[in-house]
N, C-alpha and C. Protein backbone atom coordinates (compact mmCIF):
# COMPACT_ATOMS: atom_id res chain seq x y z
N MET A 1 96.33 68.09 -24.20
CA MET A 1 97.52 68.57 -23.36
C MET A 1 97.65 69.94 -23.08
N SER A 2 98.25 70.18 -21.82
CA SER A 2 98.15 71.51 -21.12
C SER A 2 99.47 72.11 -21.14
N THR A 3 99.70 73.33 -21.52
CA THR A 3 100.82 74.18 -21.56
C THR A 3 101.12 74.77 -20.33
N ARG A 4 102.17 74.55 -19.62
CA ARG A 4 102.56 75.24 -18.37
C ARG A 4 103.47 76.41 -18.80
N VAL A 5 103.04 77.65 -18.28
CA VAL A 5 103.97 78.81 -18.55
C VAL A 5 104.22 79.44 -17.24
N HIS A 6 105.20 79.33 -16.57
CA HIS A 6 105.57 80.12 -15.40
C HIS A 6 106.04 81.28 -15.70
N LEU A 7 105.64 82.41 -14.89
CA LEU A 7 106.13 83.69 -15.24
C LEU A 7 106.12 84.51 -13.99
N ALA A 8 106.75 85.65 -14.06
CA ALA A 8 106.90 86.92 -13.19
C ALA A 8 106.56 88.08 -13.77
N ILE A 9 105.67 88.90 -13.12
CA ILE A 9 105.23 90.21 -13.57
C ILE A 9 105.46 91.11 -12.23
N GLU A 10 105.67 92.44 -12.71
CA GLU A 10 105.86 93.50 -11.74
C GLU A 10 104.94 94.59 -12.29
N GLY A 11 104.00 95.06 -11.42
CA GLY A 11 103.08 96.01 -11.72
C GLY A 11 102.15 96.70 -10.57
N SER A 12 101.18 97.49 -10.85
CA SER A 12 100.44 97.96 -9.70
C SER A 12 99.05 97.47 -9.73
N LEU A 13 98.60 97.33 -8.62
CA LEU A 13 97.09 96.62 -8.43
C LEU A 13 96.12 97.76 -9.02
N ALA A 14 95.30 97.18 -9.71
CA ALA A 14 94.31 98.07 -10.34
C ALA A 14 93.27 98.42 -9.46
N ALA A 15 92.92 97.52 -8.38
CA ALA A 15 91.85 97.67 -7.39
C ALA A 15 92.24 96.88 -6.07
N ASP A 16 91.50 97.12 -5.10
CA ASP A 16 91.65 96.24 -3.96
C ASP A 16 91.55 94.92 -4.27
N PRO A 17 92.28 93.90 -3.63
CA PRO A 17 92.04 92.38 -3.76
C PRO A 17 90.58 92.07 -3.17
N MET A 18 90.00 91.16 -3.97
CA MET A 18 88.76 90.68 -3.62
C MET A 18 88.80 89.36 -3.08
N PRO A 19 88.47 89.03 -1.79
CA PRO A 19 88.11 87.58 -1.44
C PRO A 19 87.16 86.87 -1.87
N GLY A 20 87.22 85.45 -2.02
CA GLY A 20 86.04 84.77 -2.38
C GLY A 20 86.26 83.23 -1.84
N GLU A 21 85.22 82.50 -2.13
CA GLU A 21 85.02 81.05 -1.64
C GLU A 21 84.52 80.20 -2.69
N SER A 22 85.01 79.23 -3.22
CA SER A 22 84.32 78.39 -4.13
C SER A 22 83.32 77.57 -3.38
N SER A 23 82.52 76.97 -4.28
CA SER A 23 81.30 76.01 -3.72
C SER A 23 81.91 74.92 -2.95
N SER A 24 83.14 74.41 -3.14
CA SER A 24 83.69 73.38 -2.41
C SER A 24 84.40 74.02 -0.98
N GLY A 25 84.28 75.09 -0.87
CA GLY A 25 84.85 75.90 0.42
C GLY A 25 86.23 76.26 0.41
N THR A 26 86.86 76.22 -0.88
CA THR A 26 88.28 76.74 -1.02
C THR A 26 88.33 78.03 -0.94
N LYS A 27 89.04 78.84 -0.15
CA LYS A 27 89.13 80.25 -0.12
C LYS A 27 90.29 80.84 -1.10
N PHE A 28 89.99 81.91 -1.78
CA PHE A 28 90.88 82.58 -2.70
C PHE A 28 90.71 84.01 -2.68
N THR A 29 91.74 84.69 -3.29
CA THR A 29 91.64 86.20 -3.53
C THR A 29 91.87 86.38 -4.92
N ARG A 30 91.21 87.32 -5.54
CA ARG A 30 91.18 87.82 -7.05
C ARG A 30 91.85 89.30 -6.93
N PHE A 31 92.80 89.50 -7.91
CA PHE A 31 93.30 90.95 -8.08
C PHE A 31 93.75 90.97 -9.38
N ILE A 32 93.93 92.29 -9.85
CA ILE A 32 94.39 92.65 -10.99
C ILE A 32 95.61 93.46 -11.05
N VAL A 33 96.57 93.14 -11.84
CA VAL A 33 97.71 93.67 -11.99
C VAL A 33 98.15 94.34 -13.23
N GLN A 34 98.23 95.59 -13.26
CA GLN A 34 98.65 96.39 -14.51
C GLN A 34 100.10 96.54 -14.72
N VAL A 35 100.59 96.13 -15.97
CA VAL A 35 102.04 96.37 -16.14
C VAL A 35 102.08 97.24 -17.44
N SER A 36 102.87 98.49 -16.95
CA SER A 36 103.05 99.35 -17.98
C SER A 36 104.54 99.61 -18.50
N ASP A 37 104.69 99.57 -19.82
CA ASP A 37 106.11 99.75 -20.26
C ASP A 37 106.38 101.26 -20.29
N ARG A 38 107.63 101.55 -19.94
CA ARG A 38 108.07 102.94 -19.83
C ARG A 38 109.07 102.95 -20.93
N LYS A 39 109.10 104.11 -21.77
CA LYS A 39 110.13 104.26 -22.99
C LYS A 39 110.83 105.56 -22.77
N ARG A 40 111.85 105.67 -23.24
CA ARG A 40 112.57 106.95 -23.34
C ARG A 40 112.51 107.39 -24.61
N GLN A 41 112.05 108.54 -24.81
CA GLN A 41 111.63 109.14 -26.20
C GLN A 41 111.91 110.66 -26.14
N ASP A 42 113.08 111.03 -27.06
CA ASP A 42 113.56 112.31 -27.11
C ASP A 42 114.05 112.78 -25.77
N GLY A 43 114.60 112.08 -24.89
CA GLY A 43 115.27 112.37 -23.56
C GLY A 43 114.24 112.33 -22.54
N GLU A 44 112.83 112.04 -22.75
CA GLU A 44 111.94 112.09 -21.70
C GLU A 44 111.34 110.69 -21.68
N TRP A 45 110.92 110.21 -20.45
CA TRP A 45 110.18 109.01 -20.19
C TRP A 45 108.62 109.20 -20.52
N ILE A 46 108.24 108.16 -21.23
CA ILE A 46 106.70 108.20 -21.55
C ILE A 46 106.19 106.79 -21.38
N ASP A 47 104.81 106.82 -20.99
CA ASP A 47 104.27 105.45 -20.76
C ASP A 47 103.81 104.79 -22.03
N GLY A 48 104.14 103.63 -22.10
CA GLY A 48 103.95 102.64 -23.30
C GLY A 48 102.50 102.02 -22.97
N ASP A 49 102.31 100.92 -23.69
CA ASP A 49 101.00 100.27 -23.47
C ASP A 49 101.04 99.72 -22.22
N THR A 50 99.83 99.39 -21.68
CA THR A 50 99.40 98.77 -20.33
C THR A 50 98.85 97.48 -20.61
N ASP A 51 99.40 96.36 -19.95
CA ASP A 51 98.78 95.15 -19.88
C ASP A 51 98.14 94.90 -18.71
N VAL A 52 96.91 94.16 -18.73
CA VAL A 52 96.19 93.84 -17.71
C VAL A 52 96.14 92.39 -17.37
N HIS A 53 96.60 91.99 -16.20
CA HIS A 53 96.71 90.51 -15.75
C HIS A 53 95.81 90.32 -14.55
N HIS A 54 95.01 89.32 -14.79
CA HIS A 54 93.92 88.74 -13.77
C HIS A 54 94.84 87.74 -12.99
N VAL A 55 94.76 87.80 -11.57
CA VAL A 55 95.61 86.85 -10.72
C VAL A 55 94.56 86.45 -9.82
N ILE A 56 94.77 85.05 -9.45
CA ILE A 56 94.07 84.41 -8.23
C ILE A 56 95.13 83.75 -7.55
N ALA A 57 95.00 83.89 -6.16
CA ALA A 57 95.88 83.37 -5.06
C ALA A 57 95.07 82.52 -4.13
N PHE A 58 95.45 81.48 -3.92
CA PHE A 58 94.76 80.36 -2.98
C PHE A 58 95.48 80.27 -1.55
N GLY A 59 94.48 79.91 -0.49
CA GLY A 59 95.19 79.68 0.73
C GLY A 59 95.79 80.85 1.64
N ARG A 60 97.00 80.54 2.15
CA ARG A 60 97.65 81.58 2.89
C ARG A 60 98.11 82.78 2.06
N ILE A 61 98.58 82.40 0.74
CA ILE A 61 98.83 83.50 -0.10
C ILE A 61 97.73 84.55 -0.40
N GLY A 62 96.62 83.83 -0.70
CA GLY A 62 95.33 84.74 -0.95
C GLY A 62 94.93 85.48 0.37
N GLN A 63 95.05 84.92 1.64
CA GLN A 63 94.90 85.61 2.81
C GLN A 63 95.72 86.83 2.84
N ASN A 64 96.89 86.63 2.62
CA ASN A 64 97.91 87.62 2.89
C ASN A 64 97.74 88.70 1.99
N VAL A 65 97.38 88.34 0.73
CA VAL A 65 97.33 89.40 -0.35
C VAL A 65 95.99 90.27 0.10
N CYS A 66 94.85 89.63 0.60
CA CYS A 66 93.89 90.41 1.19
C CYS A 66 94.09 91.32 2.21
N ASP A 67 95.11 91.12 2.96
CA ASP A 67 95.50 91.72 4.19
C ASP A 67 96.55 92.71 3.96
N SER A 68 97.18 92.63 2.84
CA SER A 68 98.41 93.58 2.65
C SER A 68 98.18 94.62 1.48
N PRO A 69 98.48 94.31 0.09
CA PRO A 69 98.40 95.30 -0.66
C PRO A 69 97.23 95.93 -0.93
N ALA A 70 97.16 97.17 -1.61
CA ALA A 70 95.83 97.67 -1.81
C ALA A 70 95.94 98.54 -3.21
N LYS A 71 94.84 98.95 -3.76
CA LYS A 71 94.80 99.68 -4.94
C LYS A 71 96.01 100.66 -5.17
N GLY A 72 96.73 100.45 -6.39
CA GLY A 72 97.91 101.45 -6.54
C GLY A 72 99.08 100.90 -6.00
N ASP A 73 99.07 100.00 -5.27
CA ASP A 73 100.60 99.35 -4.64
C ASP A 73 101.24 98.47 -5.87
N MET A 74 102.62 98.72 -5.77
CA MET A 74 103.32 97.90 -6.72
C MET A 74 103.54 96.49 -6.18
N ALA A 75 103.43 95.53 -7.02
CA ALA A 75 103.70 93.94 -6.38
C ALA A 75 104.38 93.26 -7.40
N ILE A 76 105.17 92.30 -7.07
CA ILE A 76 105.63 91.22 -8.02
C ILE A 76 104.89 90.11 -7.69
N VAL A 77 104.49 89.37 -8.85
CA VAL A 77 103.66 88.17 -8.79
C VAL A 77 104.37 87.06 -9.55
N THR A 78 104.62 85.84 -9.04
CA THR A 78 105.09 84.82 -9.81
C THR A 78 104.02 83.71 -9.78
N GLY A 79 103.82 83.06 -10.87
CA GLY A 79 102.87 81.90 -10.95
C GLY A 79 102.82 81.23 -12.30
N ASP A 80 101.73 80.38 -12.61
CA ASP A 80 101.45 79.66 -13.76
C ASP A 80 100.36 80.52 -14.43
N LEU A 81 100.70 80.66 -15.76
CA LEU A 81 99.66 81.28 -16.57
C LEU A 81 98.76 80.23 -17.18
N LYS A 82 97.39 80.38 -16.88
CA LYS A 82 96.36 79.34 -17.21
C LYS A 82 95.51 79.88 -18.27
N PHE A 83 95.22 79.17 -19.22
CA PHE A 83 94.46 79.66 -20.39
C PHE A 83 93.07 78.89 -20.24
N ARG A 84 91.97 79.51 -20.56
CA ARG A 84 90.64 78.99 -20.54
C ARG A 84 89.82 79.53 -21.47
N HIS A 85 88.75 78.91 -21.79
CA HIS A 85 87.73 79.36 -22.82
C HIS A 85 86.43 79.71 -21.72
N VAL A 86 86.05 81.11 -21.90
CA VAL A 86 84.85 81.52 -21.11
C VAL A 86 83.93 82.08 -22.08
N THR A 87 82.64 82.14 -21.78
CA THR A 87 81.50 82.68 -22.42
C THR A 87 81.29 84.24 -21.99
N ASP A 88 81.45 85.12 -22.95
CA ASP A 88 81.14 86.48 -22.61
C ASP A 88 79.89 86.72 -21.96
N ALA A 89 79.63 87.40 -20.90
CA ALA A 89 78.34 87.48 -20.44
C ALA A 89 77.48 88.36 -21.24
N LYS A 90 78.11 89.45 -21.75
CA LYS A 90 77.43 90.34 -22.50
C LYS A 90 76.92 89.83 -24.01
N SER A 91 77.91 89.28 -24.58
CA SER A 91 77.75 88.95 -25.92
C SER A 91 77.28 87.40 -26.22
N GLY A 92 77.57 86.56 -25.13
CA GLY A 92 77.34 85.15 -25.18
C GLY A 92 78.31 84.43 -26.31
N ARG A 93 79.23 85.13 -26.55
CA ARG A 93 80.38 84.50 -27.44
C ARG A 93 81.40 83.78 -26.54
N LEU A 94 81.96 82.80 -27.12
CA LEU A 94 83.15 82.17 -26.46
C LEU A 94 84.48 82.92 -26.75
N ARG A 95 85.18 83.12 -25.77
CA ARG A 95 86.61 83.71 -26.00
C ARG A 95 87.50 82.99 -25.14
N ASP A 96 88.82 83.40 -25.46
CA ASP A 96 89.93 82.83 -24.65
C ASP A 96 90.27 83.89 -23.55
N ASP A 97 90.64 83.45 -22.45
CA ASP A 97 91.08 84.27 -21.30
C ASP A 97 92.26 83.69 -20.64
N THR A 98 93.08 84.47 -19.98
CA THR A 98 94.28 84.05 -19.14
C THR A 98 94.04 84.54 -17.82
N GLU A 99 94.67 83.67 -16.88
CA GLU A 99 94.68 84.10 -15.61
C GLU A 99 95.97 83.54 -14.89
N ILE A 100 96.57 84.34 -14.05
CA ILE A 100 97.77 83.76 -13.40
C ILE A 100 97.47 83.26 -12.01
N VAL A 101 97.77 82.00 -11.70
CA VAL A 101 97.52 81.40 -10.53
C VAL A 101 98.94 81.67 -9.69
N ALA A 102 98.84 82.44 -8.81
CA ALA A 102 99.95 82.95 -8.01
C ALA A 102 100.50 81.88 -7.13
N ASP A 103 101.68 81.80 -7.09
CA ASP A 103 102.45 80.87 -6.14
C ASP A 103 103.34 81.80 -5.11
N ALA A 104 103.61 82.99 -5.55
CA ALA A 104 104.22 84.17 -4.72
C ALA A 104 103.66 85.50 -5.05
N VAL A 105 103.56 86.45 -4.04
CA VAL A 105 103.34 87.82 -4.17
C VAL A 105 104.04 88.49 -3.01
N ALA A 106 104.83 89.48 -3.69
CA ALA A 106 105.61 90.33 -2.80
C ALA A 106 105.45 91.83 -3.21
N PRO A 107 105.86 92.75 -2.32
CA PRO A 107 105.76 94.10 -2.65
C PRO A 107 107.00 94.47 -3.49
N SER A 108 106.95 95.30 -4.51
CA SER A 108 107.94 95.82 -5.25
C SER A 108 108.78 96.81 -4.51
N LEU A 109 110.09 96.73 -4.34
CA LEU A 109 110.75 97.69 -3.66
C LEU A 109 111.53 98.58 -4.73
N ARG A 110 110.95 98.73 -6.01
CA ARG A 110 111.65 99.61 -6.96
C ARG A 110 111.48 101.10 -6.62
N HIS A 111 110.34 101.63 -5.94
CA HIS A 111 110.01 102.89 -5.85
C HIS A 111 110.06 103.16 -4.29
N VAL A 112 109.45 102.14 -3.45
CA VAL A 112 109.50 102.50 -2.03
C VAL A 112 109.96 101.44 -1.12
N PRO A 113 110.28 101.68 0.01
CA PRO A 113 110.76 100.58 0.98
C PRO A 113 109.63 99.76 1.48
N ALA A 114 109.84 98.64 1.92
CA ALA A 114 108.76 97.81 2.63
C ALA A 114 109.44 96.98 3.79
N ARG A 115 108.72 96.60 4.65
CA ARG A 115 109.28 95.77 5.92
C ARG A 115 108.13 94.69 6.04
N ALA A 116 108.66 93.59 6.10
CA ALA A 116 107.89 92.38 6.29
C ALA A 116 107.50 92.28 7.84
N VAL A 117 106.27 92.05 7.92
CA VAL A 117 105.76 91.86 9.44
C VAL A 117 105.18 90.45 9.48
N ARG A 118 105.85 89.69 10.57
CA ARG A 118 105.48 88.21 10.62
C ARG A 118 104.19 88.29 11.24
N ALA A 119 103.25 87.36 10.83
CA ALA A 119 102.02 87.21 11.56
C ALA A 119 102.18 86.28 12.73
N PRO A 120 101.62 86.69 13.88
CA PRO A 120 101.75 85.99 15.01
C PRO A 120 101.18 84.38 14.78
N ARG A 121 101.95 83.64 15.45
CA ARG A 121 101.56 82.15 15.33
C ARG A 121 100.32 81.85 16.01
N PRO A 122 99.38 81.11 15.53
CA PRO A 122 98.16 80.68 16.07
C PRO A 122 98.58 80.01 17.47
N GLU A 123 97.59 80.49 18.64
CA GLU A 123 97.83 79.67 19.68
C GLU A 123 97.49 78.26 19.58
N VAL A 124 98.58 77.36 20.18
CA VAL A 124 98.14 76.00 20.18
C VAL A 124 98.25 75.53 21.48
N GLU A 125 97.00 74.66 21.68
CA GLU A 125 97.00 73.87 22.89
C GLU A 125 98.23 73.21 23.41
N PRO A 126 98.69 73.33 24.64
CA PRO A 126 100.00 72.61 24.86
C PRO A 126 99.65 71.09 25.01
N ALA A 127 100.60 70.31 24.47
CA ALA A 127 100.33 68.90 24.53
C ALA A 127 100.30 68.20 26.14
N ALA A 128 99.53 67.35 26.27
CA ALA A 128 99.49 66.78 27.49
C ALA A 128 100.92 66.51 27.90
N VAL A 129 101.34 67.03 29.25
CA VAL A 129 102.74 66.57 29.69
C VAL A 129 102.75 65.37 30.47
N ARG A 130 103.75 64.64 30.18
CA ARG A 130 103.71 63.24 30.65
C ARG A 130 104.77 63.34 31.83
N VAL A 131 104.41 63.12 33.08
CA VAL A 131 105.26 63.31 34.09
C VAL A 131 105.97 61.95 34.47
N THR A 132 107.21 61.96 34.54
CA THR A 132 108.12 60.80 34.61
C THR A 132 108.93 61.04 35.76
N SER A 133 109.47 59.96 36.35
CA SER A 133 110.42 60.02 37.36
C SER A 133 111.59 59.20 36.99
N TRP A 134 112.92 59.71 37.31
CA TRP A 134 114.04 58.96 36.85
C TRP A 134 115.20 59.15 38.04
N PRO A 135 115.91 58.25 38.13
CA PRO A 135 116.98 58.56 39.13
C PRO A 135 118.00 59.53 38.71
N VAL A 136 118.33 60.49 39.72
CA VAL A 136 119.47 61.50 39.38
C VAL A 136 120.48 61.43 40.40
N ARG A 137 121.73 61.75 39.98
CA ARG A 137 122.91 61.64 41.09
C ARG A 137 122.81 62.76 41.93
N VAL A 138 122.95 62.70 43.28
CA VAL A 138 122.86 63.85 44.08
C VAL A 138 124.48 64.45 44.22
N PRO A 139 124.61 65.68 43.71
CA PRO A 139 125.94 66.14 43.60
C PRO A 139 126.58 66.00 44.96
N GLY A 140 127.99 65.59 44.84
CA GLY A 140 128.83 65.47 46.02
C GLY A 140 128.57 64.15 46.70
N THR A 141 127.85 63.39 46.09
CA THR A 141 127.48 61.97 46.87
C THR A 141 127.50 60.93 45.82
N ASN A 142 127.57 59.79 46.25
CA ASN A 142 127.38 58.64 45.43
C ASN A 142 125.96 58.06 45.56
N ARG A 143 124.96 58.84 46.02
CA ARG A 143 123.62 58.55 46.12
C ARG A 143 122.81 58.96 44.97
N THR A 144 121.61 58.39 44.73
CA THR A 144 120.70 58.83 43.68
C THR A 144 119.34 59.08 44.47
N ALA A 145 118.61 60.09 43.60
CA ALA A 145 117.23 60.46 44.29
C ALA A 145 116.29 60.44 43.09
N THR A 146 115.18 60.40 43.22
CA THR A 146 114.14 60.45 42.30
C THR A 146 113.79 61.86 42.06
N SER A 147 113.66 62.31 40.78
CA SER A 147 113.31 63.72 40.26
C SER A 147 111.97 63.56 39.39
N LEU A 148 111.10 64.43 39.65
CA LEU A 148 109.92 64.60 38.78
C LEU A 148 110.09 65.61 37.86
N SER A 149 109.60 65.70 36.55
CA SER A 149 109.68 66.80 35.53
C SER A 149 108.29 67.13 35.25
């Protein structure tokens, strides 16, 4: 049985997003989001623990992540937390790992403004135009004429 955990995080990108492609041709983008706690102690803000989250985004979201945020940018990510067992490359030991499969990624507006820029729509070949004729009334008369569109 699989546990589905949907979550939202806000943090800074630890590195530039990295595009990739699976053996079946599925395109994706991997990136890391660092989430740091801030605490107020003795009247001053101090950094708390930092959690590191590995994120993967597929399709259009992955493409947009590759084209938009960069290392250090603040982002909000929503998605499903996936649990998996992986073999550590250095030690050869089996360990548990988590990854967020993103269903939305957005800039955080907590500290800076952002403006969305719409990507241009891809050029589409015009559909074949079907020319038809139909009778239309000639203004001011009771006669009809044939018009082409």
